[in-house]
Amino acid sequence: MQQSHVIEIGGQFAGFAVSHEGKFRFVAVDARVEELEDSVWPSLPDMRRVVRHLLTTGHLPAASGPPA
């Protein structure tokens, strides 16, 4: 059974994370984070940090694209 986690930043529902082979796959709901759709992350804090940055600045942090 897969487990999912809501990714909410500042009260805005951005998407959710689904456990995937010991990591987390991002499923975008907010159009502003669609470029992260299906990206895979080693941890939820890593994913949330990048989603937060993308929502607040409109771009990905330097050298912080999805690791896989």
PDB file of N, CA and C in Angstrom:
ATOM      1  N   MET A   1       0.827  -1.183   0.000  1.00  0.00           N
ATOM      2  CA  MET A   1       0.000   0.000   0.000  1.00  0.00           C
ATOM      3  C   MET A   1       0.875   1.253   0.000  1.00  0.00           C
ATOM      4  N   GLN A   2       0.570   2.176  -0.874  1.00  0.00           N
ATOM      5  CA  GLN A   2       1.319   3.423  -0.935  1.00  0.00           C
ATOM      6  C   GLN A   2       0.742   4.414   0.067  1.00  0.00           C
ATOM      7  N   GLN A   3       1.625   5.221   0.618  1.00  0.00           N
ATOM      8  CA  GLN A   3       1.204   6.253   1.549  1.00  0.00           C
ATOM      9  C   GLN A   3       1.420   7.599   0.876  1.00  0.00           C
ATOM     10  N   SER A   4       0.482   8.525   1.087  1.00  0.00           N
ATOM     11  CA  SER A   4       0.627   9.848   0.501  1.00  0.00           C
ATOM     12  C   SER A   4       0.681  10.897   1.603  1.00  0.00           C
ATOM     13  N   HIS A   5       1.310  12.027   1.279  1.00  0.00           N
ATOM     14  CA  HIS A   5       1.488  13.137   2.203  1.00  0.00           C
ATOM     15  C   HIS A   5       1.115  14.418   1.473  1.00  0.00           C
ATOM     16  N   VAL A   6       0.270  15.230   2.092  1.00  0.00           N
ATOM     17  CA  VAL A   6      -0.118  16.517   1.510  1.00  0.00           C
ATOM     18  C   VAL A   6       1.075  17.460   1.558  1.00  0.00           C
ATOM     19  N   ILE A   7       1.301  18.157   0.456  1.00  0.00           N
ATOM     20  CA  ILE A   7       2.337  19.185   0.414  1.00  0.00           C
ATOM     21  C   ILE A   7       1.609  20.525   0.351  1.00  0.00           C
ATOM     22  N   GLU A   8       1.587  21.191   1.481  1.00  0.00           N
ATOM     23  CA  GLU A   8       0.899  22.470   1.622  1.00  0.00           C
ATOM     24  C   GLU A   8       1.926  23.503   2.062  1.00  0.00           C
ATOM     25  N   ILE A   9       1.976  24.595   1.355  1.00  0.00           N
ATOM     26  CA  ILE A   9       2.937  25.648   1.656  1.00  0.00           C
ATOM     27  C   ILE A   9       2.164  26.930   1.927  1.00  0.00           C
ATOM     28  N   GLY A  10       2.309  27.458   3.121  1.00  0.00           N
ATOM     29  CA  GLY A  10       1.634  28.701   3.479  1.00  0.00           C
ATOM     30  C   GLY A  10       0.131  28.647   3.271  1.00  0.00           C
ATOM     31  N   GLY A  11      -0.468  27.512   3.567  1.00  0.00           N
ATOM     32  CA  GLY A  11      -1.903  27.357   3.408  1.00  0.00           C
ATOM     33  C   GLY A  11      -2.359  27.066   1.988  1.00  0.00           C
ATOM     34  N   GLN A  12      -1.416  26.929   1.059  1.00  0.00           N
ATOM     35  CA  GLN A  12      -1.742  26.631  -0.338  1.00  0.00           C
ATOM     36  C   GLN A  12      -1.430  25.166  -0.630  1.00  0.00           C
ATOM     37  N   PHE A  13      -2.417  24.433  -1.117  1.00  0.00           N
ATOM     38  CA  PHE A  13      -2.237  23.027  -1.474  1.00  0.00           C
ATOM     39  C   PHE A  13      -1.489  22.958  -2.797  1.00  0.00           C
ATOM     40  N   ALA A  14      -0.227  22.548  -2.740  1.00  0.00           N
ATOM     41  CA  ALA A  14       0.609  22.498  -3.933  1.00  0.00           C
ATOM     42  C   ALA A  14       0.548  21.139  -4.619  1.00  0.00           C
ATOM     43  N   GLY A  15       0.370  20.086  -3.830  1.00  0.00           N
ATOM     44  CA  GLY A  15       0.341  18.743  -4.386  1.00  0.00           C
ATOM     45  C   GLY A  15       0.465  17.734  -3.271  1.00  0.00           C
ATOM     46  N   PHE A  16       0.931  16.557  -3.628  1.00  0.00           N
ATOM     47  CA  PHE A  16       1.141  15.546  -2.607  1.00  0.00           C
ATOM     48  C   PHE A  16       2.307  14.659  -2.989  1.00  0.00           C
ATOM     49  N   ALA A  17       2.849  14.015  -1.981  1.00  0.00           N
ATOM     50  CA  ALA A  17       3.968  13.103  -2.167  1.00  0.00           C
ATOM     51  C   ALA A  17       3.456  11.688  -1.969  1.00  0.00           C
ATOM     52  N   VAL A  18       3.904  10.796  -2.834  1.00  0.00           N
ATOM     53  CA  VAL A  18       3.544   9.380  -2.746  1.00  0.00           C
ATOM     54  C   VAL A  18       4.823   8.603  -2.506  1.00  0.00           C
ATOM     55  N   SER A  19       4.809   7.704  -1.506  1.00  0.00           N
ATOM     56  CA  SER A  19       6.001   6.898  -1.261  1.00  0.00           C
ATOM     57  C   SER A  19       6.294   6.076  -2.514  1.00  0.00           C
ATOM     58  N   HIS A  20       7.574   6.020  -2.874  1.00  0.00           N
ATOM     59  CA  HIS A  20       7.992   5.386  -4.125  1.00  0.00           C
ATOM     60  C   HIS A  20       9.379   4.791  -3.933  1.00  0.00           C
ATOM     61  N   GLU A  21       9.454   3.483  -3.754  1.00  0.00           N
ATOM     62  CA  GLU A  21      10.730   2.765  -3.627  1.00  0.00           C
ATOM     63  C   GLU A  21      11.643   3.386  -2.575  1.00  0.00           C
ATOM     64  N   GLY A  22      11.090   3.710  -1.418  1.00  0.00           N
ATOM     65  CA  GLY A  22      11.881   4.279  -0.333  1.00  0.00           C
ATOM     66  C   GLY A  22      12.095   5.772  -0.449  1.00  0.00           C
ATOM     67  N   LYS A  23      11.566   6.382  -1.500  1.00  0.00           N
ATOM     68  CA  LYS A  23      11.681   7.825  -1.699  1.00  0.00           C
ATOM     69  C   LYS A  23      10.276   8.380  -1.862  1.00  0.00           C
ATOM     70  N   PHE A  24      10.167   9.606  -2.347  1.00  0.00           N
ATOM     71  CA  PHE A  24       8.868  10.258  -2.490  1.00  0.00           C
ATOM     72  C   PHE A  24       8.720  10.863  -3.878  1.00  0.00           C
ATOM     73  N   ARG A  25       7.609  10.527  -4.542  1.00  0.00           N
ATOM     74  CA  ARG A  25       7.304  11.074  -5.878  1.00  0.00           C
ATOM     75  C   ARG A  25       6.299  12.202  -5.694  1.00  0.00           C
ATOM     76  N   PHE A  26       6.552  13.332  -6.350  1.00  0.00           N
ATOM     77  CA  PHE A  26       5.686  14.505  -6.229  1.00  0.00           C
ATOM     78  C   PHE A  26       4.608  14.488  -7.302  1.00  0.00           C
ATOM     79  N   VAL A  27       3.373  14.750  -6.881  1.00  0.00           N
ATOM     80  CA  VAL A  27       2.236  14.885  -7.786  1.00  0.00           C
ATOM     81  C   VAL A  27       1.721  16.310  -7.622  1.00  0.00           C
ATOM     82  N   ALA A  28       1.862  17.123  -8.662  1.00  0.00           N
ATOM     83  CA  ALA A  28       1.476  18.533  -8.599  1.00  0.00           C
ATOM     84  C   ALA A  28      -0.030  18.712  -8.735  1.00  0.00           C
ATOM     85  N   VAL A  29      -0.562  19.646  -7.966  1.00  0.00           N
ATOM     86  CA  VAL A  29      -1.957  20.042  -8.076  1.00  0.00           C
ATOM     87  C   VAL A  29      -2.010  21.516  -8.509  1.00  0.00           C
ATOM     88  N   ASP A  30      -1.112  22.326  -7.986  1.00  0.00           N
ATOM     89  CA  ASP A  30      -1.023  23.741  -8.324  1.00  0.00           C
ATOM     90  C   ASP A  30      -0.220  23.889  -9.620  1.00  0.00           C
ATOM     91  N   ALA A  31      -0.755  24.620 -10.573  1.00  0.00           N
ATOM     92  CA  ALA A  31      -0.097  24.795 -11.874  1.00  0.00           C
ATOM     93  C   ALA A  31       1.286  25.421 -11.750  1.00  0.00           C
ATOM     94  N   ARG A  32       1.518  26.192 -10.688  1.00  0.00           N
ATOM     95  CA  ARG A  32       2.823  26.854 -10.522  1.00  0.00           C
ATOM     96  C   ARG A  32       3.954  25.891 -10.196  1.00  0.00           C
ATOM     97  N   VAL A  33       3.630  24.663  -9.834  1.00  0.00           N
ATOM     98  CA  VAL A  33       4.678  23.688  -9.516  1.00  0.00           C
ATOM     99  C   VAL A  33       4.645  22.478 -10.449  1.00  0.00           C
ATOM    100  N   GLU A  34       3.970  22.612 -11.576  1.00  0.00           N
ATOM    101  CA  GLU A  34       3.858  21.494 -12.528  1.00  0.00           C
ATOM    102  C   GLU A  34       5.199  20.989 -13.028  1.00  0.00           C
ATOM    103  N   GLU A  35       6.206  21.845 -13.067  1.00  0.00           N
ATOM    104  CA  GLU A  35       7.511  21.384 -13.565  1.00  0.00           C
ATOM    105  C   GLU A  35       8.144  20.344 -12.642  1.00  0.00           C
ATOM    106  N   LEU A  36       7.625  20.207 -11.432  1.00  0.00           N
ATOM    107  CA  LEU A  36       8.124  19.194 -10.505  1.00  0.00           C
ATOM    108  C   LEU A  36       7.327  17.891 -10.560  1.00  0.00           C
ATOM    109  N   GLU A  37       6.290  17.855 -11.398  1.00  0.00           N
ATOM    110  CA  GLU A  37       5.433  16.669 -11.530  1.00  0.00           C
ATOM    111  C   GLU A  37       6.266  15.411 -11.767  1.00  0.00           C
ATOM    112  N   ASP A  38       6.008  14.377 -10.988  1.00  0.00           N
ATOM    113  CA  ASP A  38       6.671  13.067 -11.076  1.00  0.00           C
ATOM    114  C   ASP A  38       8.147  13.079 -10.685  1.00  0.00           C
ATOM    115  N   SER A  39       8.630  14.187 -10.116  1.00  0.00           N
ATOM    116  CA  SER A  39      10.012  14.185  -9.633  1.00  0.00           C
ATOM    117  C   SER A  39      10.084  13.304  -8.385  1.00  0.00           C
ATOM    118  N   VAL A  40      11.245  12.721  -8.136  1.00  0.00           N
ATOM    119  CA  VAL A  40      11.437  11.811  -7.014  1.00  0.00           C
ATOM    120  C   VAL A  40      12.472  12.416  -6.072  1.00  0.00           C
ATOM    121  N   TRP A  41      12.151  12.388  -4.772  1.00  0.00           N
ATOM    122  CA  TRP A  41      12.962  13.048  -3.745  1.00  0.00           C
ATOM    123  C   TRP A  41      13.345  12.071  -2.649  1.00  0.00           C
ATOM    124  N   PRO A  42      14.525  12.255  -2.040  1.00  0.00           N
ATOM    125  CA  PRO A  42      14.952  11.350  -0.974  1.00  0.00           C
ATOM    126  C   PRO A  42      14.192  11.567   0.333  1.00  0.00           C
ATOM    127  N   SER A  43      13.648  12.781   0.532  1.00  0.00           N
ATOM    128  CA  SER A  43      12.932  13.056   1.777  1.00  0.00           C
ATOM    129  C   SER A  43      11.838  14.096   1.559  1.00  0.00           C
ATOM    130  N   LEU A  44      10.854  14.085   2.439  1.00  0.00           N
ATOM    131  CA  LEU A  44       9.786  15.088   2.374  1.00  0.00           C
ATOM    132  C   LEU A  44      10.312  16.495   2.638  1.00  0.00           C
ATOM    133  N   PRO A  45      11.224  16.713   3.609  1.00  0.00           N
ATOM    134  CA  PRO A  45      11.746  18.066   3.809  1.00  0.00           C
ATOM    135  C   PRO A  45      12.457  18.631   2.560  1.00  0.00           C
ATOM    136  N   ASP A  46      13.177  17.774   1.843  1.00  0.00           N
ATOM    137  CA  ASP A  46      13.825  18.231   0.600  1.00  0.00           C
ATOM    138  C   ASP A  46      12.780  18.679  -0.407  1.00  0.00           C
ATOM    139  N   MET A  47      11.754  17.870  -0.573  1.00  0.00           N
ATOM    140  CA  MET A  47      10.693  18.193  -1.516  1.00  0.00           C
ATOM    141  C   MET A  47       9.993  19.488  -1.122  1.00  0.00           C
ATOM    142  N   ARG A  48       9.612  19.597   0.140  1.00  0.00           N
ATOM    143  CA  ARG A  48       8.895  20.792   0.610  1.00  0.00           C
ATOM    144  C   ARG A  48       9.720  22.058   0.429  1.00  0.00           C
ATOM    145  N   ARG A  49      11.022  21.957   0.687  1.00  0.00           N
ATOM    146  CA  ARG A  49      11.902  23.124   0.547  1.00  0.00           C
ATOM    147  C   ARG A  49      11.888  23.645  -0.884  1.00  0.00           C
ATOM    148  N   VAL A  50      11.990  22.757  -1.860  1.00  0.00           N
ATOM    149  CA  VAL A  50      12.022  23.164  -3.264  1.00  0.00           C
ATOM    150  C   VAL A  50      10.642  23.646  -3.729  1.00  0.00           C
ATOM    151  N   VAL A  51       9.588  22.977  -3.302  1.00  0.00           N
ATOM    152  CA  VAL A  51       8.234  23.421  -3.658  1.00  0.00           C
ATOM    153  C   VAL A  51       7.988  24.810  -3.073  1.00  0.00           C
ATOM    154  N   ARG A  52       8.380  25.030  -1.819  1.00  0.00           N
ATOM    155  CA  ARG A  52       8.213  26.347  -1.188  1.00  0.00           C
ATOM    156  C   ARG A  52       8.959  27.420  -1.986  1.00  0.00           C
ATOM    157  N   HIS A  53      10.180  27.124  -2.357  1.00  0.00           N
ATOM    158  CA  HIS A  53      10.983  28.089  -3.110  1.00  0.00           C
ATOM    159  C   HIS A  53      10.318  28.414  -4.451  1.00  0.00           C
ATOM    160  N   LEU A  54       9.862  27.388  -5.140  1.00  0.00           N
ATOM    161  CA  LEU A  54       9.217  27.589  -6.438  1.00  0.00           C
ATOM    162  C   LEU A  54       7.935  28.420  -6.295  1.00  0.00           C
ATOM    163  N   LEU A  55       7.139  28.150  -5.270  1.00  0.00           N
ATOM    164  CA  LEU A  55       5.907  28.910  -5.062  1.00  0.00           C
ATOM    165  C   LEU A  55       6.168  30.365  -4.689  1.00  0.00           C
ATOM    166  N   THR A  56       7.198  30.612  -3.912  1.00  0.00           N
ATOM    167  CA  THR A  56       7.441  31.972  -3.434  1.00  0.00           C
ATOM    168  C   THR A  56       8.266  32.823  -4.392  1.00  0.00           C
ATOM    169  N   THR A  57       9.111  32.181  -5.218  1.00  0.00           N
ATOM    170  CA  THR A  57       9.965  32.964  -6.109  1.00  0.00           C
ATOM    171  C   THR A  57       9.606  32.822  -7.588  1.00  0.00           C
ATOM    172  N   GLY A  58       8.916  31.745  -7.928  1.00  0.00           N
ATOM    173  CA  GLY A  58       8.577  31.504  -9.326  1.00  0.00           C
ATOM    174  C   GLY A  58       9.649  30.742 -10.100  1.00  0.00           C
ATOM    175  N   HIS A  59      10.720  30.352  -9.412  1.00  0.00           N
ATOM    176  CA  HIS A  59      11.756  29.550 -10.082  1.00  0.00           C
ATOM    177  C   HIS A  59      12.374  28.564  -9.105  1.00  0.00           C
ATOM    178  N   LEU A  60      13.017  27.559  -9.654  1.00  0.00           N
ATOM    179  CA  LEU A  60      13.691  26.564  -8.823  1.00  0.00           C
ATOM    180  C   LEU A  60      14.957  27.153  -8.202  1.00  0.00           C
ATOM    181  N   PRO A  61      15.341  26.699  -7.019  1.00  0.00           N
ATOM    182  CA  PRO A  61      16.594  27.168  -6.439  1.00  0.00           C
ATOM    183  C   PRO A  61      17.774  26.719  -7.304  1.00  0.00           C
ATOM    184  N   ALA A  62      18.825  27.479  -7.300  1.00  0.00           N
ATOM    185  CA  ALA A  62      20.030  27.144  -8.074  1.00  0.00           C
ATOM    186  C   ALA A  62      20.541  25.766  -7.675  1.00  0.00           C
ATOM    187  N   ALA A  63      20.797  24.933  -8.661  1.00  0.00           N
ATOM    188  CA  ALA A  63      21.362  23.588  -8.464  1.00  0.00           C
ATOM    189  C   ALA A  63      20.525  22.728  -7.531  1.00  0.00           C
ATOM    190  N   SER A  64      19.211  22.902  -7.536  1.00  0.00           N
ATOM    191  CA  SER A  64      18.378  22.106  -6.648  1.00  0.00           C
ATOM    192  C   SER A  64      17.218  21.442  -7.369  1.00  0.00           C
ATOM    193  N   GLY A  65      17.433  21.048  -8.595  1.00  0.00           N
ATOM    194  CA  GLY A  65      16.380  20.318  -9.281  1.00  0.00           C
ATOM    195  C   GLY A  65      16.181  18.974  -8.616  1.00  0.00           C
ATOM    196  N   PRO A  66      15.180  18.256  -9.020  1.00  0.00           N
ATOM    197  CA  PRO A  66      14.950  16.935  -8.424  1.00  0.00           C
ATOM    198  C   PRO A  66      16.180  16.050  -8.569  1.00  0.00           C
ATOM    199  N   PRO A  67      16.545  15.331  -7.519  1.00  0.00           N
ATOM    200  CA  PRO A  67      17.753  14.515  -7.553  1.00  0.00           C
ATOM    201  C   PRO A  67      17.638  13.274  -8.424  1.00  0.00           C
ATOM    202  N   ALA A  68      16.427  12.829  -8.714  1.00  0.00           N
ATOM    203  CA  ALA A  68      16.297  11.620  -9.524  1.00  0.00           C
ATOM    204  C   ALA A  68      15.250  11.804 -10.586  1.00  0.00           C
TER     205      ALA A  68
END
